């Protein structure tokens, strides 16, 4: 009779450990899913422009700045610098996003071992 009670207790402990481990894994999987979904949503909302689109917007913005800031050359120069920096960052992001496909010249150096 005692053996049955001891066996039942041991089986209960084993079942509790298995269920606790499973719950922990489920919680971990849910958190990873939440992170992946947030990352995917951020990529979907990102404004991706091609090189030509960036150049066109850059030229339009610089033309507008030159037209509006005729009296303040210092402000005009600052705004042009900001526009050029923005355009360079957009182009760099576009190139880096596609670098693994389109730019084989920037591969990782081979490791000797």
N, C-alpha and C. Protein backbone atom coordinates (compact mmCIF):
# COMPACT_ATOMS: atom_id res chain seq x y z
N UNK A 1 0.82 -1.18 0.00
CA UNK A 1 0.00 0.00 0.00
C UNK A 1 0.87 1.26 0.00
N UNK A 2 1.94 1.24 0.77
CA UNK A 2 2.83 2.39 0.83
C UNK A 2 3.53 2.61 -0.50
N UNK A 3 3.81 1.51 -1.18
CA UNK A 3 4.48 1.64 -2.48
C UNK A 3 3.60 2.37 -3.49
N UNK A 4 2.31 2.13 -3.44
CA UNK A 4 1.38 2.80 -4.36
C UNK A 4 1.34 4.30 -4.06
N UNK A 5 1.31 4.67 -2.81
CA UNK A 5 1.28 6.08 -2.42
C UNK A 5 2.59 6.75 -2.83
N UNK A 6 3.71 6.10 -2.57
CA UNK A 6 5.01 6.66 -2.94
C UNK A 6 5.11 6.80 -4.45
N UNK A 7 4.67 5.80 -5.20
CA UNK A 7 4.69 5.85 -6.66
C UNK A 7 3.80 6.99 -7.17
N UNK A 8 2.64 7.16 -6.57
CA UNK A 8 1.72 8.23 -6.98
C UNK A 8 2.35 9.60 -6.70
N UNK A 9 3.02 9.74 -5.57
CA UNK A 9 3.67 11.01 -5.24
C UNK A 9 4.79 11.30 -6.23
N UNK A 10 5.62 10.30 -6.51
CA UNK A 10 6.72 10.48 -7.47
C UNK A 10 6.18 10.83 -8.85
N UNK A 11 5.13 10.14 -9.29
CA UNK A 11 4.53 10.46 -10.60
C UNK A 11 3.93 11.87 -10.60
N UNK A 12 3.36 12.29 -9.49
CA UNK A 12 2.83 13.66 -9.38
C UNK A 12 3.92 14.70 -9.48
N UNK A 13 5.05 14.44 -8.83
CA UNK A 13 6.18 15.37 -8.90
C UNK A 13 6.74 15.44 -10.31
N UNK A 14 6.89 14.30 -10.94
CA UNK A 14 7.40 14.26 -12.33
C UNK A 14 6.45 15.02 -13.26
N UNK A 15 5.14 14.81 -13.11
CA UNK A 15 4.16 15.52 -13.94
C UNK A 15 4.24 17.02 -13.70
N UNK A 16 4.41 17.44 -12.46
CA UNK A 16 4.50 18.87 -12.15
C UNK A 16 5.74 19.48 -12.78
N UNK A 17 6.88 18.77 -12.73
CA UNK A 17 8.12 19.28 -13.33
C UNK A 17 7.98 19.40 -14.83
N UNK A 18 7.39 18.41 -15.46
CA UNK A 18 7.19 18.44 -16.92
C UNK A 18 6.29 19.60 -17.32
N UNK A 19 5.19 19.78 -16.60
CA UNK A 19 4.26 20.86 -16.93
C UNK A 19 4.89 22.23 -16.68
N UNK A 20 5.68 22.37 -15.62
CA UNK A 20 6.33 23.65 -15.34
C UNK A 20 7.34 23.97 -16.44
N UNK A 21 8.11 22.98 -16.88
CA UNK A 21 9.05 23.20 -17.97
C UNK A 21 8.35 23.58 -19.26
N UNK A 22 7.23 22.93 -19.51
CA UNK A 22 6.47 23.24 -20.72
C UNK A 22 5.91 24.66 -20.68
N UNK A 23 5.42 25.07 -19.52
CA UNK A 23 4.90 26.44 -19.38
C UNK A 23 6.00 27.46 -19.58
N UNK A 24 7.19 27.17 -19.07
CA UNK A 24 8.32 28.08 -19.25
C UNK A 24 8.69 28.19 -20.73
N UNK A 25 8.70 27.06 -21.42
CA UNK A 25 9.01 27.07 -22.85
C UNK A 25 7.94 27.83 -23.62
N UNK A 26 6.70 27.65 -23.26
CA UNK A 26 5.60 28.34 -23.93
C UNK A 26 5.70 29.85 -23.73
N UNK A 27 6.01 30.26 -22.52
CA UNK A 27 6.17 31.68 -22.24
C UNK A 27 7.34 32.26 -23.04
N UNK A 28 8.44 31.53 -23.11
CA UNK A 28 9.60 31.97 -23.87
C UNK A 28 9.26 32.08 -25.36
N UNK A 29 8.54 31.10 -25.89
CA UNK A 29 8.15 31.13 -27.30
C UNK A 29 7.22 32.31 -27.59
N UNK A 30 6.32 32.59 -26.68
CA UNK A 30 5.40 33.72 -26.88
C UNK A 30 6.16 35.05 -26.88
N UNK A 31 7.13 35.19 -25.99
CA UNK A 31 7.90 36.43 -25.96
C UNK A 31 8.73 36.59 -27.22
N UNK A 32 9.32 35.50 -27.72
CA UNK A 32 10.08 35.58 -28.96
C UNK A 32 9.16 35.95 -30.13
N UNK A 33 7.96 35.39 -30.14
CA UNK A 33 7.00 35.71 -31.19
C UNK A 33 6.62 37.19 -31.15
N UNK A 34 6.41 37.71 -29.97
CA UNK A 34 6.07 39.12 -29.81
C UNK A 34 7.19 40.01 -30.35
N UNK A 35 8.43 39.66 -30.03
CA UNK A 35 9.58 40.44 -30.50
C UNK A 35 9.67 40.37 -32.02
N UNK A 36 9.51 39.19 -32.59
CA UNK A 36 9.58 39.03 -34.05
C UNK A 36 8.47 39.81 -34.75
N UNK A 37 7.27 39.77 -34.20
CA UNK A 37 6.16 40.52 -34.81
C UNK A 37 6.40 42.02 -34.75
N UNK A 38 6.94 42.50 -33.64
CA UNK A 38 7.25 43.93 -33.53
C UNK A 38 8.33 44.31 -34.52
N UNK A 39 9.34 43.45 -34.68
CA UNK A 39 10.41 43.72 -35.64
C UNK A 39 9.87 43.73 -37.07
N UNK A 40 9.02 42.79 -37.39
CA UNK A 40 8.42 42.73 -38.73
C UNK A 40 7.57 43.96 -39.00
N UNK A 41 6.83 44.40 -37.99
CA UNK A 41 6.00 45.60 -38.16
C UNK A 41 6.87 46.84 -38.37
N UNK A 42 7.99 46.91 -37.66
CA UNK A 42 8.89 48.05 -37.83
C UNK A 42 9.48 48.06 -39.24
N UNK A 43 9.84 46.90 -39.78
CA UNK A 43 10.36 46.83 -41.14
C UNK A 43 9.28 47.24 -42.14
N UNK A 44 8.05 46.86 -41.87
CA UNK A 44 6.97 47.18 -42.80
C UNK A 44 6.70 48.68 -42.84
N UNK A 45 6.89 49.35 -41.70
CA UNK A 45 6.63 50.78 -41.64
C UNK A 45 7.80 51.63 -42.10
N UNK A 46 8.94 51.01 -42.27
CA UNK A 46 10.13 51.77 -42.66
C UNK A 46 9.99 52.29 -44.09
N UNK A 47 10.41 53.50 -44.28
CA UNK A 47 10.35 54.12 -45.59
C UNK A 47 11.61 53.75 -46.36
N UNK A 48 11.46 52.85 -47.31
CA UNK A 48 12.60 52.41 -48.11
C UNK A 48 12.50 53.07 -49.47
N UNK A 49 13.56 53.75 -49.85
CA UNK A 49 13.59 54.45 -51.14
C UNK A 49 14.79 53.98 -51.93
N UNK A 50 14.62 53.98 -53.21
CA UNK A 50 15.75 53.62 -54.07
C UNK A 50 16.69 54.81 -54.19
N UNK A 51 17.84 54.56 -54.77
CA UNK A 51 18.84 55.61 -54.97
C UNK A 51 18.25 56.77 -55.77
N UNK A 52 17.54 56.44 -56.85
CA UNK A 52 16.95 57.49 -57.70
C UNK A 52 15.90 58.32 -56.96
N UNK A 53 15.08 57.65 -56.13
CA UNK A 53 14.08 58.37 -55.35
C UNK A 53 14.74 59.35 -54.38
N UNK A 54 15.80 58.89 -53.72
CA UNK A 54 16.51 59.75 -52.77
C UNK A 54 17.13 60.95 -53.48
N UNK A 55 17.73 60.71 -54.63
CA UNK A 55 18.34 61.81 -55.38
C UNK A 55 17.30 62.84 -55.82
N UNK A 56 16.14 62.34 -56.24
CA UNK A 56 15.09 63.25 -56.68
C UNK A 56 14.59 64.11 -55.51
N UNK A 57 14.37 63.48 -54.36
CA UNK A 57 13.90 64.23 -53.19
C UNK A 57 14.99 65.20 -52.73
N UNK A 58 16.24 64.76 -52.74
CA UNK A 58 17.35 65.63 -52.35
C UNK A 58 17.39 66.87 -53.24
N UNK A 59 17.30 66.68 -54.54
CA UNK A 59 17.34 67.82 -55.48
C UNK A 59 16.16 68.75 -55.26
N UNK A 60 14.97 68.20 -55.03
CA UNK A 60 13.79 69.03 -54.79
C UNK A 60 13.94 69.83 -53.50
N UNK A 61 14.44 69.18 -52.45
CA UNK A 61 14.61 69.89 -51.18
C UNK A 61 15.66 70.99 -51.28
N UNK A 62 16.77 70.70 -51.93
CA UNK A 62 17.82 71.71 -52.08
C UNK A 62 17.32 72.88 -52.91
N UNK A 63 16.55 72.59 -53.95
CA UNK A 63 15.99 73.67 -54.77
C UNK A 63 15.04 74.54 -53.94
N UNK A 64 14.24 73.89 -53.09
CA UNK A 64 13.32 74.65 -52.23
C UNK A 64 14.08 75.52 -51.24
N UNK A 65 15.14 74.96 -50.66
CA UNK A 65 15.94 75.72 -49.69
C UNK A 65 16.58 76.91 -50.37
N UNK A 66 17.14 76.69 -51.56
CA UNK A 66 17.77 77.80 -52.28
C UNK A 66 16.76 78.89 -52.62
N UNK A 67 15.55 78.48 -52.90
CA UNK A 67 14.51 79.44 -53.26
C UNK A 67 14.02 80.23 -52.04
N UNK A 68 13.87 79.57 -50.90
CA UNK A 68 13.28 80.20 -49.72
C UNK A 68 14.30 80.96 -48.86
N UNK A 69 15.54 80.52 -48.84
CA UNK A 69 16.52 81.13 -47.94
C UNK A 69 17.54 81.98 -48.71
N UNK A 70 17.07 82.85 -49.55
CA UNK A 70 17.98 83.69 -50.32
C UNK A 70 18.66 84.73 -49.46
N UNK A 71 18.02 85.13 -48.36
CA UNK A 71 18.60 86.18 -47.51
C UNK A 71 19.54 85.65 -46.43
N UNK A 72 19.46 84.36 -46.13
CA UNK A 72 20.29 83.80 -45.05
C UNK A 72 21.13 82.64 -45.60
N UNK A 73 22.32 82.96 -46.04
CA UNK A 73 23.19 81.95 -46.64
C UNK A 73 23.67 80.93 -45.60
N UNK A 74 23.82 81.36 -44.35
CA UNK A 74 24.28 80.44 -43.31
C UNK A 74 23.22 79.36 -43.04
N UNK A 75 21.97 79.77 -42.91
CA UNK A 75 20.89 78.80 -42.71
C UNK A 75 20.72 77.91 -43.94
N UNK A 76 20.88 78.48 -45.10
CA UNK A 76 20.79 77.71 -46.34
C UNK A 76 21.87 76.61 -46.36
N UNK A 77 23.08 76.97 -45.98
CA UNK A 77 24.17 76.00 -45.98
C UNK A 77 23.92 74.89 -44.96
N UNK A 78 23.41 75.27 -43.78
CA UNK A 78 23.11 74.26 -42.76
C UNK A 78 22.03 73.30 -43.23
N UNK A 79 20.98 73.84 -43.81
CA UNK A 79 19.90 72.98 -44.29
C UNK A 79 20.36 72.07 -45.43
N UNK A 80 21.20 72.59 -46.30
CA UNK A 80 21.73 71.75 -47.38
C UNK A 80 22.56 70.60 -46.80
N UNK A 81 23.35 70.91 -45.78
CA UNK A 81 24.16 69.87 -45.14
C UNK A 81 23.27 68.80 -44.50
N UNK A 82 22.21 69.24 -43.84
CA UNK A 82 21.27 68.30 -43.22
C UNK A 82 20.60 67.44 -44.29
N UNK A 83 20.19 68.05 -45.37
CA UNK A 83 19.55 67.31 -46.47
C UNK A 83 20.52 66.30 -47.06
N UNK A 84 21.75 66.71 -47.29
CA UNK A 84 22.74 65.79 -47.86
C UNK A 84 23.05 64.63 -46.90
N UNK A 85 23.14 64.94 -45.59
CA UNK A 85 23.37 63.87 -44.62
C UNK A 85 22.20 62.88 -44.61
N UNK A 86 20.97 63.40 -44.62
CA UNK A 86 19.80 62.54 -44.66
C UNK A 86 19.82 61.65 -45.90
N UNK A 87 20.11 62.24 -47.03
CA UNK A 87 20.13 61.48 -48.28
C UNK A 87 21.22 60.41 -48.25
N UNK A 88 22.38 60.76 -47.73
CA UNK A 88 23.46 59.77 -47.63
C UNK A 88 23.07 58.60 -46.73
N UNK A 89 22.39 58.90 -45.62
CA UNK A 89 21.95 57.83 -44.72
C UNK A 89 20.90 56.94 -45.38
N UNK A 90 19.99 57.54 -46.12
CA UNK A 90 18.97 56.75 -46.81
C UNK A 90 19.61 55.84 -47.86
N UNK A 91 20.57 56.37 -48.59
CA UNK A 91 21.26 55.57 -49.61
C UNK A 91 22.04 54.45 -48.95
N UNK A 92 22.73 54.76 -47.86
CA UNK A 92 23.50 53.75 -47.15
C UNK A 92 22.58 52.65 -46.61
N UNK A 93 21.43 53.02 -46.05
CA UNK A 93 20.48 52.03 -45.54
C UNK A 93 19.96 51.15 -46.67
N UNK A 94 19.69 51.75 -47.81
CA UNK A 94 19.22 50.98 -48.96
C UNK A 94 20.29 49.98 -49.42
N UNK A 95 21.53 50.43 -49.48
CA UNK A 95 22.61 49.55 -49.92
C UNK A 95 22.89 48.44 -48.91
N UNK A 96 22.86 48.77 -47.62
CA UNK A 96 23.11 47.76 -46.60
C UNK A 96 22.00 46.73 -46.54
N UNK A 97 20.80 47.17 -46.79
CA UNK A 97 19.66 46.24 -46.75
C UNK A 97 19.77 45.21 -47.86
N UNK A 98 20.36 45.59 -48.98
CA UNK A 98 20.48 44.69 -50.10
C UNK A 98 21.90 44.16 -50.29
N UNK A 99 22.78 44.45 -49.35
CA UNK A 99 24.20 44.15 -49.55
C UNK A 99 24.48 42.66 -49.67
N UNK A 100 23.75 41.83 -48.98
CA UNK A 100 24.04 40.41 -49.03
C UNK A 100 23.67 39.81 -50.39
N UNK A 101 22.86 40.51 -51.16
CA UNK A 101 22.49 40.02 -52.49
C UNK A 101 23.25 40.76 -53.58
N UNK A 102 23.33 42.06 -53.48
CA UNK A 102 23.79 42.88 -54.58
C UNK A 102 25.26 43.29 -54.51
N UNK A 103 25.92 43.11 -53.38
CA UNK A 103 27.28 43.61 -53.25
C UNK A 103 28.23 42.51 -52.77
N UNK A 104 28.59 41.64 -53.66
CA UNK A 104 29.49 40.56 -53.24
C UNK A 104 30.89 41.05 -52.92
N UNK A 105 31.23 42.29 -53.28
CA UNK A 105 32.56 42.81 -52.99
C UNK A 105 32.76 43.07 -51.51
N UNK A 106 31.69 43.16 -50.76
CA UNK A 106 31.80 43.41 -49.32
C UNK A 106 31.47 42.13 -48.56
N UNK A 107 32.24 41.09 -48.78
CA UNK A 107 32.05 39.85 -48.06
C UNK A 107 32.98 39.83 -46.86
N UNK A 108 32.68 38.95 -45.93
CA UNK A 108 33.53 38.83 -44.75
C UNK A 108 34.86 38.20 -45.13
N UNK A 109 35.94 38.64 -44.51
CA UNK A 109 37.24 38.04 -44.82
C UNK A 109 37.27 36.59 -44.37
N UNK A 110 37.97 35.78 -45.13
CA UNK A 110 38.07 34.38 -44.79
C UNK A 110 38.91 34.21 -43.56
N UNK A 111 38.48 33.28 -42.70
CA UNK A 111 39.22 33.03 -41.48
C UNK A 111 40.10 31.81 -41.67
N UNK A 112 41.34 31.96 -41.31
CA UNK A 112 42.24 30.81 -41.38
C UNK A 112 42.23 30.10 -40.04
N UNK A 113 42.26 28.80 -40.09
CA UNK A 113 42.14 28.14 -38.82
C UNK A 113 43.03 27.02 -38.70
